[in-house]
PDB file of N, CA and C in Angstrom:
ATOM      1  N   MET A   1      21.423  11.041 -10.295  1.00  0.00           N
ATOM      2  CA  MET A   1      21.680  10.837  -8.908  1.00  0.00           C
ATOM      3  C   MET A   1      20.429  10.461  -8.209  1.00  0.00           C
ATOM      4  N   ILE A   2      20.575   9.394  -7.279  1.00  0.00           N
ATOM      5  CA  ILE A   2      19.380   8.996  -6.696  1.00  0.00           C
ATOM      6  C   ILE A   2      19.131   9.843  -5.373  1.00  0.00           C
ATOM      7  N   SER A   3      17.866  10.210  -5.174  1.00  0.00           N
ATOM      8  CA  SER A   3      17.563  11.114  -4.100  1.00  0.00           C
ATOM      9  C   SER A   3      17.532  10.274  -2.763  1.00  0.00           C
ATOM     10  N   LYS A   4      17.528  10.943  -1.682  1.00  0.00           N
ATOM     11  CA  LYS A   4      17.429  10.376  -0.368  1.00  0.00           C
ATOM     12  C   LYS A   4      16.206   9.429  -0.168  1.00  0.00           C
ATOM     13  N   GLN A   5      15.077   9.994  -0.650  1.00  0.00           N
ATOM     14  CA  GLN A   5      13.825   9.230  -0.544  1.00  0.00           C
ATOM     15  C   GLN A   5      13.866   7.850  -1.356  1.00  0.00           C
ATOM     16  N   GLU A   6      14.522   8.006  -2.564  1.00  0.00           N
ATOM     17  CA  GLU A   6      14.557   6.780  -3.352  1.00  0.00           C
ATOM     18  C   GLU A   6      15.461   5.701  -2.714  1.00  0.00           C
ATOM     19  N   ARG A   7      16.615   6.143  -2.107  1.00  0.00           N
ATOM     20  CA  ARG A   7      17.414   5.207  -1.325  1.00  0.00           C
ATOM     21  C   ARG A   7      16.715   4.626  -0.197  1.00  0.00           C
ATOM     22  N   TYR A   8      15.938   5.437   0.519  1.00  0.00           N
ATOM     23  CA  TYR A   8      15.117   4.776   1.587  1.00  0.00           C
ATOM     24  C   TYR A   8      14.170   3.749   1.155  1.00  0.00           C
ATOM     25  N   GLU A   9      13.506   3.953  -0.019  1.00  0.00           N
ATOM     26  CA  GLU A   9      12.574   3.083  -0.611  1.00  0.00           C
ATOM     27  C   GLU A   9      13.376   1.776  -1.065  1.00  0.00           C
ATOM     28  N   PHE A  10      14.540   1.866  -1.622  1.00  0.00           N
ATOM     29  CA  PHE A  10      15.209   0.742  -1.973  1.00  0.00           C
ATOM     30  C   PHE A  10      15.584  -0.161  -0.820  1.00  0.00           C
ATOM     31  N   ARG A  11      16.102   0.573   0.367  1.00  0.00           N
ATOM     32  CA  ARG A  11      16.430  -0.089   1.540  1.00  0.00           C
ATOM     33  C   ARG A  11      15.204  -0.867   2.185  1.00  0.00           C
ATOM     34  N   LYS A  12      14.041  -0.118   2.185  1.00  0.00           N
ATOM     35  CA  LYS A  12      12.860  -0.698   2.698  1.00  0.00           C
ATOM     36  C   LYS A  12      12.423  -1.972   1.949  1.00  0.00           C
ATOM     37  N   ALA A  13      12.493  -1.863   0.661  1.00  0.00           N
ATOM     38  CA  ALA A  13      12.188  -3.071  -0.211  1.00  0.00           C
ATOM     39  C   ALA A  13      13.100  -4.219  -0.015  1.00  0.00           C
ATOM     40  N   ARG A  14      14.361  -3.929   0.034  1.00  0.00           N
ATOM     41  CA  ARG A  14      15.453  -4.911   0.214  1.00  0.00           C
ATOM     42  C   ARG A  14      15.319  -5.643   1.625  1.00  0.00           C
ATOM     43  N   SER A  15      14.975  -4.875   2.602  1.00  0.00           N
ATOM     44  CA  SER A  15      14.739  -5.575   3.980  1.00  0.00           C
ATOM     45  C   SER A  15      13.614  -6.350   3.985  1.00  0.00           C
ATOM     46  N   ARG A  16      12.492  -6.009   3.368  1.00  0.00           N
ATOM     47  CA  ARG A  16      11.262  -6.788   3.397  1.00  0.00           C
ATOM     48  C   ARG A  16      11.517  -8.075   2.586  1.00  0.00           C
ATOM     49  N   ASN A  17      12.133  -7.899   1.400  1.00  0.00           N
ATOM     50  CA  ASN A  17      12.467  -9.014   0.525  1.00  0.00           C
ATOM     51  C   ASN A  17      13.286 -10.105   1.249  1.00  0.00           C
ATOM     52  N   ARG A  18      14.205  -9.663   1.936  1.00  0.00           N
ATOM     53  CA  ARG A  18      15.067 -10.664   2.819  1.00  0.00           C
ATOM     54  C   ARG A  18      14.325 -11.317   3.777  1.00  0.00           C
ATOM     55  N   LEU A  19      13.292 -10.575   4.453  1.00  0.00           N
ATOM     56  CA  LEU A  19      12.465 -11.299   5.455  1.00  0.00           C
ATOM     57  C   LEU A  19      11.590 -12.366   4.711  1.00  0.00           C
ATOM     58  N   PHE A  20      11.041 -12.006   3.609  1.00  0.00           N
ATOM     59  CA  PHE A  20      10.133 -12.940   2.909  1.00  0.00           C
ATOM     60  C   PHE A  20      11.016 -14.093   2.234  1.00  0.00           C
ATOM     61  N   GLU A  21      12.210 -13.786   1.842  1.00  0.00           N
ATOM     62  CA  GLU A  21      12.996 -14.995   1.276  1.00  0.00           C
ATOM     63  C   GLU A  21      13.365 -15.957   2.226  1.00  0.00           C
ATOM     64  N   ASN A  22      13.559 -15.498   3.391  1.00  0.00           N
ATOM     65  CA  ASN A  22      13.933 -16.540   4.607  1.00  0.00           C
ATOM     66  C   ASN A  22      12.730 -17.252   5.062  1.00  0.00           C
ATOM     67  N   GLY A  23      11.508 -17.032   4.497  1.00  0.00           N
ATOM     68  CA  GLY A  23      10.380 -17.689   4.874  1.00  0.00           C
ATOM     69  C   GLY A  23       9.880 -17.316   6.267  1.00  0.00           C
ATOM     70  N   ILE A  24       9.064 -16.294   6.348  1.00  0.00           N
ATOM     71  CA  ILE A  24       8.583 -15.838   7.620  1.00  0.00           C
ATOM     72  C   ILE A  24       7.593 -16.948   8.048  1.00  0.00           C
ATOM     73  N   ASN A  25       7.890 -17.482   9.204  1.00  0.00           N
ATOM     74  CA  ASN A  25       6.842 -18.459   9.884  1.00  0.00           C
ATOM     75  C   ASN A  25       6.261 -17.827  10.981  1.00  0.00           C
ATOM     76  N   ARG A  26       6.887 -16.645  11.450  1.00  0.00           N
ATOM     77  CA  ARG A  26       6.471 -15.926  12.640  1.00  0.00           C
ATOM     78  C   ARG A  26       5.708 -14.553  12.219  1.00  0.00           C
ATOM     79  N   MET A  27       5.112 -14.036  13.145  1.00  0.00           N
ATOM     80  CA  MET A  27       4.451 -12.727  12.931  1.00  0.00           C
ATOM     81  C   MET A  27       5.565 -11.684  12.670  1.00  0.00           C
ATOM     82  N   ARG A  28       5.146 -10.577  12.014  1.00  0.00           N
ATOM     83  CA  ARG A  28       6.204  -9.499  11.786  1.00  0.00           C
ATOM     84  C   ARG A  28       5.860  -8.243  12.587  1.00  0.00           C
ATOM     85  N   LEU A  29       6.854  -7.827  13.298  1.00  0.00           N
ATOM     86  CA  LEU A  29       6.679  -6.613  14.057  1.00  0.00           C
ATOM     87  C   LEU A  29       7.190  -5.418  13.167  1.00  0.00           C
ATOM     88  N   SER A  30       6.215  -4.705  12.622  1.00  0.00           N
ATOM     89  CA  SER A  30       6.613  -3.673  11.602  1.00  0.00           C
ATOM     90  C   SER A  30       6.682  -2.310  12.393  1.00  0.00           C
ATOM     91  N   VAL A  31       7.560  -1.527  12.039  1.00  0.00           N
ATOM     92  CA  VAL A  31       7.841  -0.210  12.639  1.00  0.00           C
ATOM     93  C   VAL A  31       7.847   0.842  11.650  1.00  0.00           C
ATOM     94  N   TYR A  32       7.044   1.857  11.880  1.00  0.00           N
ATOM     95  CA  TYR A  32       7.076   3.149  11.108  1.00  0.00           C
ATOM     96  C   TYR A  32       7.437   4.323  11.936  1.00  0.00           C
ATOM     97  N   ARG A  33       8.441   5.079  11.559  1.00  0.00           N
ATOM     98  CA  ARG A  33       8.904   6.258  12.311  1.00  0.00           C
ATOM     99  C   ARG A  33       8.742   7.536  11.462  1.00  0.00           C
ATOM    100  N   SER A  34       7.896   8.401  11.943  1.00  0.00           N
ATOM    101  CA  SER A  34       7.770   9.709  11.246  1.00  0.00           C
ATOM    102  C   SER A  34       8.605  10.730  11.994  1.00  0.00           C
ATOM    103  N   THR A  35       8.575  11.982  11.631  1.00  0.00           N
ATOM    104  CA  THR A  35       9.325  13.022  12.285  1.00  0.00           C
ATOM    105  C   THR A  35       8.752  13.282  13.681  1.00  0.00           C
ATOM    106  N   LYS A  36       7.479  13.109  13.863  1.00  0.00           N
ATOM    107  CA  LYS A  36       6.888  13.471  15.172  1.00  0.00           C
ATOM    108  C   LYS A  36       6.414  12.208  15.984  1.00  0.00           C
ATOM    109  N   TYR A  37       6.070  11.131  15.308  1.00  0.00           N
ATOM    110  CA  TYR A  37       5.572  10.094  16.086  1.00  0.00           C
ATOM    111  C   TYR A  37       6.104   8.626  15.775  1.00  0.00           C
ATOM    112  N   LEU A  38       5.799   7.701  16.461  1.00  0.00           N
ATOM    113  CA  LEU A  38       6.245   6.279  16.273  1.00  0.00           C
ATOM    114  C   LEU A  38       5.191   5.425  16.277  1.00  0.00           C
ATOM    115  N   TYR A  39       5.069   4.505  15.193  1.00  0.00           N
ATOM    116  CA  TYR A  39       3.928   3.532  15.083  1.00  0.00           C
ATOM    117  C   TYR A  39       4.540   2.121  15.034  1.00  0.00           C
ATOM    118  N   ALA A  40       3.975   1.174  15.625  1.00  0.00           N
ATOM    119  CA  ALA A  40       4.412  -0.239  15.524  1.00  0.00           C
ATOM    120  C   ALA A  40       3.179  -1.162  15.553  1.00  0.00           C
ATOM    121  N   GLN A  41       3.268  -2.234  14.825  1.00  0.00           N
ATOM    122  CA  GLN A  41       2.250  -3.163  14.827  1.00  0.00           C
ATOM    123  C   GLN A  41       2.763  -4.682  14.507  1.00  0.00           C
ATOM    124  N   VAL A  42       2.014  -5.553  15.031  1.00  0.00           N
ATOM    125  CA  VAL A  42       2.331  -6.965  14.796  1.00  0.00           C
ATOM    126  C   VAL A  42       1.392  -7.517  13.779  1.00  0.00           C
ATOM    127  N   VAL A  43       1.943  -7.982  12.684  1.00  0.00           N
ATOM    128  CA  VAL A  43       1.092  -8.415  11.487  1.00  0.00           C
ATOM    129  C   VAL A  43       1.196  -9.822  11.163  1.00  0.00           C
ATOM    130  N   ASP A  44       0.116 -10.456  10.903  1.00  0.00           N
ATOM    131  CA  ASP A  44       0.130 -11.871  10.375  1.00  0.00           C
ATOM    132  C   ASP A  44       0.067 -11.733   8.866  1.00  0.00           C
ATOM    133  N   ASP A  45       1.180 -12.000   8.174  1.00  0.00           N
ATOM    134  CA  ASP A  45       1.230 -11.804   6.721  1.00  0.00           C
ATOM    135  C   ASP A  45       0.469 -12.887   5.982  1.00  0.00           C
ATOM    136  N   LYS A  46       0.266 -14.141   6.513  1.00  0.00           N
ATOM    137  CA  LYS A  46      -0.492 -15.152   5.942  1.00  0.00           C
ATOM    138  C   LYS A  46      -1.931 -14.840   5.813  1.00  0.00           C
ATOM    139  N   LYS A  47      -2.443 -14.253   6.972  1.00  0.00           N
ATOM    140  CA  LYS A  47      -3.847 -13.869   6.919  1.00  0.00           C
ATOM    141  C   LYS A  47      -4.122 -12.424   6.524  1.00  0.00           C
ATOM    142  N   GLY A  48      -3.080 -11.661   6.478  1.00  0.00           N
ATOM    143  CA  GLY A  48      -3.214 -10.192   6.234  1.00  0.00           C
ATOM    144  C   GLY A  48      -3.937  -9.384   7.201  1.00  0.00           C
ATOM    145  N   VAL A  49      -3.549  -9.783   8.489  1.00  0.00           N
ATOM    146  CA  VAL A  49      -4.316  -9.117   9.629  1.00  0.00           C
ATOM    147  C   VAL A  49      -3.364  -8.527  10.672  1.00  0.00           C
ATOM    148  N   THR A  50      -3.740  -7.370  11.216  1.00  0.00           N
ATOM    149  CA  THR A  50      -2.931  -6.782  12.284  1.00  0.00           C
ATOM    150  C   THR A  50      -3.466  -7.277  13.585  1.00  0.00           C
ATOM    151  N   LEU A  51      -2.494  -7.852  14.391  1.00  0.00           N
ATOM    152  CA  LEU A  51      -2.944  -8.445  15.690  1.00  0.00           C
ATOM    153  C   LEU A  51      -2.879  -7.493  16.760  1.00  0.00           C
ATOM    154  N   ALA A  52      -1.901  -6.645  16.747  1.00  0.00           N
ATOM    155  CA  ALA A  52      -1.682  -5.731  17.904  1.00  0.00           C
ATOM    156  C   ALA A  52      -0.961  -4.444  17.337  1.00  0.00           C
ATOM    157  N   ALA A  53      -1.338  -3.426  17.881  1.00  0.00           N
ATOM    158  CA  ALA A  53      -0.734  -2.106  17.421  1.00  0.00           C
ATOM    159  C   ALA A  53      -0.513  -1.140  18.557  1.00  0.00           C
ATOM    160  N   ALA A  54       0.425  -0.261  18.378  1.00  0.00           N
ATOM    161  CA  ALA A  54       0.746   0.708  19.451  1.00  0.00           C
ATOM    162  C   ALA A  54       1.452   1.958  18.828  1.00  0.00           C
ATOM    163  N   SER A  55       1.257   3.122  19.282  1.00  0.00           N
ATOM    164  CA  SER A  55       1.821   4.255  18.737  1.00  0.00           C
ATOM    165  C   SER A  55       1.969   5.274  19.860  1.00  0.00           C
ATOM    166  N   THR A  56       2.727   6.383  19.581  1.00  0.00           N
ATOM    167  CA  THR A  56       2.932   7.403  20.570  1.00  0.00           C
ATOM    168  C   THR A  56       1.610   8.214  20.705  1.00  0.00           C
ATOM    169  N   LEU A  57       0.588   8.047  19.793  1.00  0.00           N
ATOM    170  CA  LEU A  57      -0.660   8.741  19.878  1.00  0.00           C
ATOM    171  C   LEU A  57      -1.773   7.914  20.657  1.00  0.00           C
ATOM    172  N   ASP A  58      -1.367   6.829  21.263  1.00  0.00           N
ATOM    173  CA  ASP A  58      -2.411   6.045  22.077  1.00  0.00           C
ATOM    174  C   ASP A  58      -2.962   6.730  23.221  1.00  0.00           C
ATOM    175  N   LYS A  59      -4.248   6.516  23.574  1.00  0.00           N
ATOM    176  CA  LYS A  59      -4.879   7.255  24.613  1.00  0.00           C
ATOM    177  C   LYS A  59      -4.286   6.837  25.992  1.00  0.00           C
ATOM    178  N   GLU A  60      -3.819   5.599  26.088  1.00  0.00           N
ATOM    179  CA  GLU A  60      -3.186   5.204  27.381  1.00  0.00           C
ATOM    180  C   GLU A  60      -1.865   5.972  27.640  1.00  0.00           C
ATOM    181  N   LEU A  61      -1.215   6.430  26.591  1.00  0.00           N
ATOM    182  CA  LEU A  61       0.088   7.012  26.724  1.00  0.00           C
ATOM    183  C   LEU A  61       0.036   8.540  26.767  1.00  0.00           C
ATOM    184  N   LYS A  62      -1.136   9.205  26.664  1.00  0.00           N
ATOM    185  CA  LYS A  62      -1.303  10.542  26.348  1.00  0.00           C
ATOM    186  C   LYS A  62      -0.572  11.380  27.446  1.00  0.00           C
ATOM    187  N   GLY A  63      -0.885  11.110  28.721  1.00  0.00           N
ATOM    188  CA  GLY A  63      -0.224  11.965  29.738  1.00  0.00           C
ATOM    189  C   GLY A  63       1.187  11.595  30.187  1.00  0.00           C
ATOM    190  N   LYS A  64       1.624  10.302  29.819  1.00  0.00           N
ATOM    191  CA  LYS A  64       2.902   9.718  30.253  1.00  0.00           C
ATOM    192  C   LYS A  64       4.183  10.327  29.427  1.00  0.00           C
ATOM    193  N   LEU A  65       3.884  10.713  28.169  1.00  0.00           N
ATOM    194  CA  LEU A  65       4.987  11.021  27.310  1.00  0.00           C
ATOM    195  C   LEU A  65       5.184  12.539  27.246  1.00  0.00           C
ATOM    196  N   LYS A  66       6.401  12.964  27.184  1.00  0.00           N
ATOM    197  CA  LYS A  66       6.671  14.424  26.982  1.00  0.00           C
ATOM    198  C   LYS A  66       6.422  14.670  25.438  1.00  0.00           C
ATOM    199  N   SER A  67       7.054  13.897  24.639  1.00  0.00           N
ATOM    200  CA  SER A  67       6.902  14.038  23.277  1.00  0.00           C
ATOM    201  C   SER A  67       6.824  12.714  22.546  1.00  0.00           C
ATOM    202  N   GLY A  68       6.416  12.627  21.320  1.00  0.00           N
ATOM    203  CA  GLY A  68       6.248  11.382  20.592  1.00  0.00           C
ATOM    204  C   GLY A  68       7.433  11.027  19.925  1.00  0.00           C
ATOM    205  N   LYS A  69       8.563  11.926  19.888  1.00  0.00           N
ATOM    206  CA  LYS A  69       9.730  11.580  19.201  1.00  0.00           C
ATOM    207  C   LYS A  69      10.985  11.387  20.003  1.00  0.00           C
ATOM    208  N   SER A  70      10.772  10.968  21.208  1.00  0.00           N
ATOM    209  CA  SER A  70      11.969  10.676  22.132  1.00  0.00           C
ATOM    210  C   SER A  70      12.252   9.206  22.227  1.00  0.00           C
ATOM    211  N   VAL A  71      13.468   8.889  22.577  1.00  0.00           N
ATOM    212  CA  VAL A  71      13.777   7.444  22.785  1.00  0.00           C
ATOM    213  C   VAL A  71      13.160   6.832  23.907  1.00  0.00           C
ATOM    214  N   GLU A  72      12.806   7.635  24.994  1.00  0.00           N
ATOM    215  CA  GLU A  72      12.088   7.038  26.089  1.00  0.00           C
ATOM    216  C   GLU A  72      10.745   6.633  25.688  1.00  0.00           C
ATOM    217  N   SER A  73      10.002   7.555  24.848  1.00  0.00           N
ATOM    218  CA  SER A  73       8.686   7.241  24.441  1.00  0.00           C
ATOM    219  C   SER A  73       8.645   6.002  23.541  1.00  0.00           C
ATOM    220  N   ALA A  74       9.750   5.764  22.764  1.00  0.00           N
ATOM    221  CA  ALA A  74       9.767   4.590  21.877  1.00  0.00           C
ATOM    222  C   ALA A  74       9.848   3.379  22.798  1.00  0.00           C
ATOM    223  N   LYS A  75      10.651   3.364  23.876  1.00  0.00           N
ATOM    224  CA  LYS A  75      10.784   2.229  24.734  1.00  0.00           C
ATOM    225  C   LYS A  75       9.402   1.881  25.340  1.00  0.00           C
ATOM    226  N   ILE A  76       8.658   2.874  25.758  1.00  0.00           N
ATOM    227  CA  ILE A  76       7.377   2.644  26.346  1.00  0.00           C
ATOM    228  C   ILE A  76       6.351   2.110  25.314  1.00  0.00           C
ATOM    229  N   VAL A  77       6.333   2.607  24.169  1.00  0.00           N
ATOM    230  CA  VAL A  77       5.529   2.000  23.057  1.00  0.00           C
ATOM    231  C   VAL A  77       5.985   0.643  22.784  1.00  0.00           C
ATOM    232  N   GLY A  78       7.156   0.199  22.765  1.00  0.00           N
ATOM    233  CA  GLY A  78       7.526  -1.142  22.554  1.00  0.00           C
ATOM    234  C   GLY A  78       7.055  -2.070  23.564  1.00  0.00           C
ATOM    235  N   GLY A  79       7.142  -1.628  24.871  1.00  0.00           N
ATOM    236  CA  GLY A  79       6.564  -2.439  25.984  1.00  0.00           C
ATOM    237  C   GLY A  79       5.132  -2.560  25.899  1.00  0.00           C
ATOM    238  N   LEU A  80       4.453  -1.431  25.459  1.00  0.00           N
ATOM    239  CA  LEU A  80       2.894  -1.603  25.373  1.00  0.00           C
ATOM    240  C   LEU A  80       2.530  -2.598  24.294  1.00  0.00           C
ATOM    241  N   LEU A  81       3.239  -2.449  23.197  1.00  0.00           N
ATOM    242  CA  LEU A  81       2.906  -3.327  22.025  1.00  0.00           C
ATOM    243  C   LEU A  81       3.269  -4.827  22.445  1.00  0.00           C
ATOM    244  N   ALA A  82       4.315  -5.042  23.138  1.00  0.00           N
ATOM    245  CA  ALA A  82       4.587  -6.467  23.578  1.00  0.00           C
ATOM    246  C   ALA A  82       3.580  -7.007  24.455  1.00  0.00           C
ATOM    247  N   LYS A  83       2.967  -6.130  25.372  1.00  0.00           N
ATOM    248  CA  LYS A  83       1.918  -6.544  26.262  1.00  0.00           C
ATOM    249  C   LYS A  83       0.709  -6.910  25.460  1.00  0.00           C
ATOM    250  N   ARG A  84       0.334  -6.111  24.553  1.00  0.00           N
ATOM    251  CA  ARG A  84      -0.814  -6.301  23.692  1.00  0.00           C
ATOM    252  C   ARG A  84      -0.669  -7.595  22.801  1.00  0.00           C
ATOM    253  N   ALA A  85       0.475  -7.856  22.287  1.00  0.00           N
ATOM    254  CA  ALA A  85       0.802  -8.935  21.483  1.00  0.00           C
ATOM    255  C   ALA A  85       0.704 -10.318  22.281  1.00  0.00           C
ATOM    256  N   ILE A  86       1.246 -10.294  23.424  1.00  0.00           N
ATOM    257  CA  ILE A  86       1.283 -11.457  24.347  1.00  0.00           C
ATOM    258  C   ILE A  86      -0.132 -11.788  24.755  1.00  0.00           C
ATOM    259  N   ALA A  87      -1.017 -10.695  25.000  1.00  0.00           N
ATOM    260  CA  ALA A  87      -2.341 -10.964  25.243  1.00  0.00           C
ATOM    261  C   ALA A  87      -3.168 -11.627  24.186  1.00  0.00           C
ATOM    262  N   LYS A  88      -2.662 -11.412  22.939  1.00  0.00           N
ATOM    263  CA  LYS A  88      -3.236 -12.084  21.766  1.00  0.00           C
ATOM    264  C   LYS A  88      -2.609 -13.481  21.526  1.00  0.00           C
ATOM    265  N   GLY A  89      -1.617 -13.810  22.274  1.00  0.00           N
ATOM    266  CA  GLY A  89      -0.956 -15.177  22.109  1.00  0.00           C
ATOM    267  C   GLY A  89       0.278 -15.152  21.186  1.00  0.00           C
ATOM    268  N   VAL A  90       0.790 -14.083  20.901  1.00  0.00           N
ATOM    269  CA  VAL A  90       1.977 -13.943  20.154  1.00  0.00           C
ATOM    270  C   VAL A  90       3.203 -13.752  20.939  1.00  0.00           C
ATOM    271  N   THR A  91       4.190 -14.654  21.028  1.00  0.00           N
ATOM    272  CA  THR A  91       5.321 -14.482  21.746  1.00  0.00           C
ATOM    273  C   THR A  91       6.680 -14.336  21.017  1.00  0.00           C
ATOM    274  N   GLU A  92       6.575 -14.862  19.666  1.00  0.00           N
ATOM    275  CA  GLU A  92       7.785 -14.666  18.853  1.00  0.00           C
ATOM    276  C   GLU A  92       7.367 -13.906  17.579  1.00  0.00           C
ATOM    277  N   VAL A  93       8.266 -12.929  17.229  1.00  0.00           N
ATOM    278  CA  VAL A  93       8.095 -12.082  16.050  1.00  0.00           C
ATOM    279  C   VAL A  93       9.324 -11.948  15.278  1.00  0.00           C
ATOM    280  N   CYS A  94       9.328 -11.505  14.068  1.00  0.00           N
ATOM    281  CA  CYS A  94      10.607 -11.011  13.317  1.00  0.00           C
ATOM    282  C   CYS A  94      10.417  -9.636  13.191  1.00  0.00           C
ATOM    283  N   PHE A  95      11.536  -8.916  13.430  1.00  0.00           N
ATOM    284  CA  PHE A  95      11.571  -7.500  13.424  1.00  0.00           C
ATOM    285  C   PHE A  95      11.743  -6.859  12.027  1.00  0.00           C
ATOM    286  N   ASP A  96      10.812  -6.053  11.593  1.00  0.00           N
ATOM    287  CA  ASP A  96      10.866  -5.337  10.384  1.00  0.00           C
ATOM    288  C   ASP A  96      10.987  -3.849  10.716  1.00  0.00           C
ATOM    289  N   ARG A  97      12.241  -3.398  10.538  1.00  0.00           N
ATOM    290  CA  ARG A  97      12.491  -1.976  10.838  1.00  0.00           C
ATOM    291  C   ARG A  97      12.171  -1.052   9.687  1.00  0.00           C
ATOM    292  N   GLY A  98      11.703  -1.592   8.584  1.00  0.00           N
ATOM    293  CA  GLY A  98      11.157  -0.743   7.562  1.00  0.00           C
ATOM    294  C   GLY A  98      12.252   0.067   6.781  1.00  0.00           C
ATOM    295  N   GLY A  99      13.365  -0.524   6.708  1.00  0.00           N
ATOM    296  CA  GLY A  99      14.451   0.162   5.911  1.00  0.00           C
ATOM    297  C   GLY A  99      15.216   1.187   6.837  1.00  0.00           C
ATOM    298  N   ARG A 100      14.847   1.416   7.967  1.00  0.00           N
ATOM    299  CA  ARG A 100      15.457   2.322   8.892  1.00  0.00           C
ATOM    300  C   ARG A 100      16.600   1.684   9.567  1.00  0.00           C
ATOM    301  N   ILE A 101      17.598   2.518   9.935  1.00  0.00           N
ATOM    302  CA  ILE A 101      18.808   1.920  10.643  1.00  0.00           C
ATOM    303  C   ILE A 101      18.457   1.597  12.040  1.00  0.00           C
ATOM    304  N   TYR A 102      18.949   0.457  12.452  1.00  0.00           N
ATOM    305  CA  TYR A 102      18.783  -0.006  13.853  1.00  0.00           C
ATOM    306  C   TYR A 102      19.524   0.843  14.851  1.00  0.00           C
ATOM    307  N   HIS A 103      18.863   1.966  15.165  1.00  0.00           N
ATOM    308  CA  HIS A 103      19.570   3.017  15.964  1.00  0.00           C
ATOM    309  C   HIS A 103      18.524   3.862  16.489  1.00  0.00           C
ATOM    310  N   GLY A 104      18.777   4.467  17.668  1.00  0.00           N
ATOM    311  CA  GLY A 104      17.929   5.539  18.243  1.00  0.00           C
ATOM    312  C   GLY A 104      16.533   5.036  18.654  1.00  0.00           C
ATOM    313  N   ARG A 105      15.480   5.587  17.977  1.00  0.00           N
ATOM    314  CA  ARG A 105      14.191   5.283  18.400  1.00  0.00           C
ATOM    315  C   ARG A 105      13.752   3.754  17.984  1.00  0.00           C
ATOM    316  N   ILE A 106      14.318   3.303  16.847  1.00  0.00           N
ATOM    317  CA  ILE A 106      13.936   1.955  16.451  1.00  0.00           C
ATOM    318  C   ILE A 106      14.623   1.073  17.366  1.00  0.00           C
ATOM    319  N   LYS A 107      15.797   1.192  17.800  1.00  0.00           N
ATOM    320  CA  LYS A 107      16.442   0.307  18.661  1.00  0.00           C
ATOM    321  C   LYS A 107      15.872   0.348  20.095  1.00  0.00           C
ATOM    322  N   SER A 108      15.412   1.497  20.492  1.00  0.00           N
ATOM    323  CA  SER A 108      14.762   1.689  21.792  1.00  0.00           C
ATOM    324  C   SER A 108      13.440   0.896  21.838  1.00  0.00           C
ATOM    325  N   LEU A 109      12.683   0.941  20.673  1.00  0.00           N
ATOM    326  CA  LEU A 109      11.389   0.224  20.665  1.00  0.00           C
ATOM    327  C   LEU A 109      11.646  -1.362  20.803  1.00  0.00           C
ATOM    328  N   ALA A 110      12.679  -1.782  19.977  1.00  0.00           N
ATOM    329  CA  ALA A 110      12.973  -3.152  20.044  1.00  0.00           C
ATOM    330  C   ALA A 110      13.296  -3.671  21.548  1.00  0.00           C
ATOM    331  N   GLU A 111      14.124  -2.799  22.124  1.00  0.00           N
ATOM    332  CA  GLU A 111      14.590  -3.182  23.545  1.00  0.00           C
ATOM    333  C   GLU A 111      13.480  -3.141  24.441  1.00  0.00           C
ATOM    334  N   GLY A 112      12.444  -2.202  24.368  1.00  0.00           N
ATOM    335  CA  GLY A 112      11.395  -2.194  25.138  1.00  0.00           C
ATOM    336  C   GLY A 112      10.408  -3.382  24.978  1.00  0.00           C
ATOM    337  N   ALA A 113      10.327  -3.875  23.665  1.00  0.00           N
ATOM    338  CA  ALA A 113       9.491  -4.976  23.386  1.00  0.00           C
ATOM    339  C   ALA A 113      10.163  -6.326  23.939  1.00  0.00           C
ATOM    340  N   ARG A 114      11.429  -6.278  23.842  1.00  0.00           N
ATOM    341  CA  ARG A 114      12.145  -7.482  24.473  1.00  0.00           C
ATOM    342  C   ARG A 114      12.059  -7.603  25.873  1.00  0.00           C
ATOM    343  N   GLU A 115      12.186  -6.493  26.557  1.00  0.00           N
ATOM    344  CA  GLU A 115      12.052  -6.467  28.051  1.00  0.00           C
ATOM    345  C   GLU A 115      10.657  -6.805  28.495  1.00  0.00           C
ATOM    346  N   ALA A 116       9.646  -6.558  27.697  1.00  0.00           N
ATOM    347  CA  ALA A 116       8.253  -6.924  28.020  1.00  0.00           C
ATOM    348  C   ALA A 116       7.893  -8.318  27.740  1.00  0.00           C
ATOM    349  N   GLY A 117       8.809  -9.015  27.056  1.00  0.00           N
ATOM    350  CA  GLY A 117       8.619 -10.480  26.797  1.00  0.00           C
ATOM    351  C   GLY A 117       8.491 -10.915  25.331  1.00  0.00           C
ATOM    352  N   LEU A 118       8.654 -10.091  24.402  1.00  0.00           N
ATOM    353  CA  LEU A 118       8.520 -10.593  23.015  1.00  0.00           C
ATOM    354  C   LEU A 118      10.005 -11.130  22.624  1.00  0.00           C
ATOM    355  N   LYS A 119       9.995 -12.177  21.941  1.00  0.00           N
ATOM    356  CA  LYS A 119      11.279 -12.785  21.401  1.00  0.00           C
ATOM    357  C   LYS A 119      11.415 -12.462  19.938  1.00  0.00           C
ATOM    358  N   PHE A 120      12.705 -12.098  19.475  1.00  0.00           N
ATOM    359  CA  PHE A 120      13.008 -11.941  18.106  1.00  0.00           C
ATOM    360  C   PHE A 120      14.489 -11.871  17.839  1.00  0.00           C
TER     361      PHE A 120
END
């Protein structure tokens, strides 16, 4: 029987492979969700460079967030990431949810980034 962690790894690989099969011409917004915190970054896969990053551990957000694992904090992180990406000249990205289901904190981060001006 396949463990829960192995199923997650398969989902993660499958979603990344689909992104690369379709020919990513845009930057990739990659999201990592741990039990306590949320991390997101805009990556240029052609150059192998991270252009913008934000997380619930950022110094700018220290006093604003109750906890790093709430839906509200995910929305704020998405907005902050979008502002940083737009400042670097990135307006369109493809969303890489990292094998996670588009629900809860992942969905909230995406909505926060869209509201701040990123298109995907």
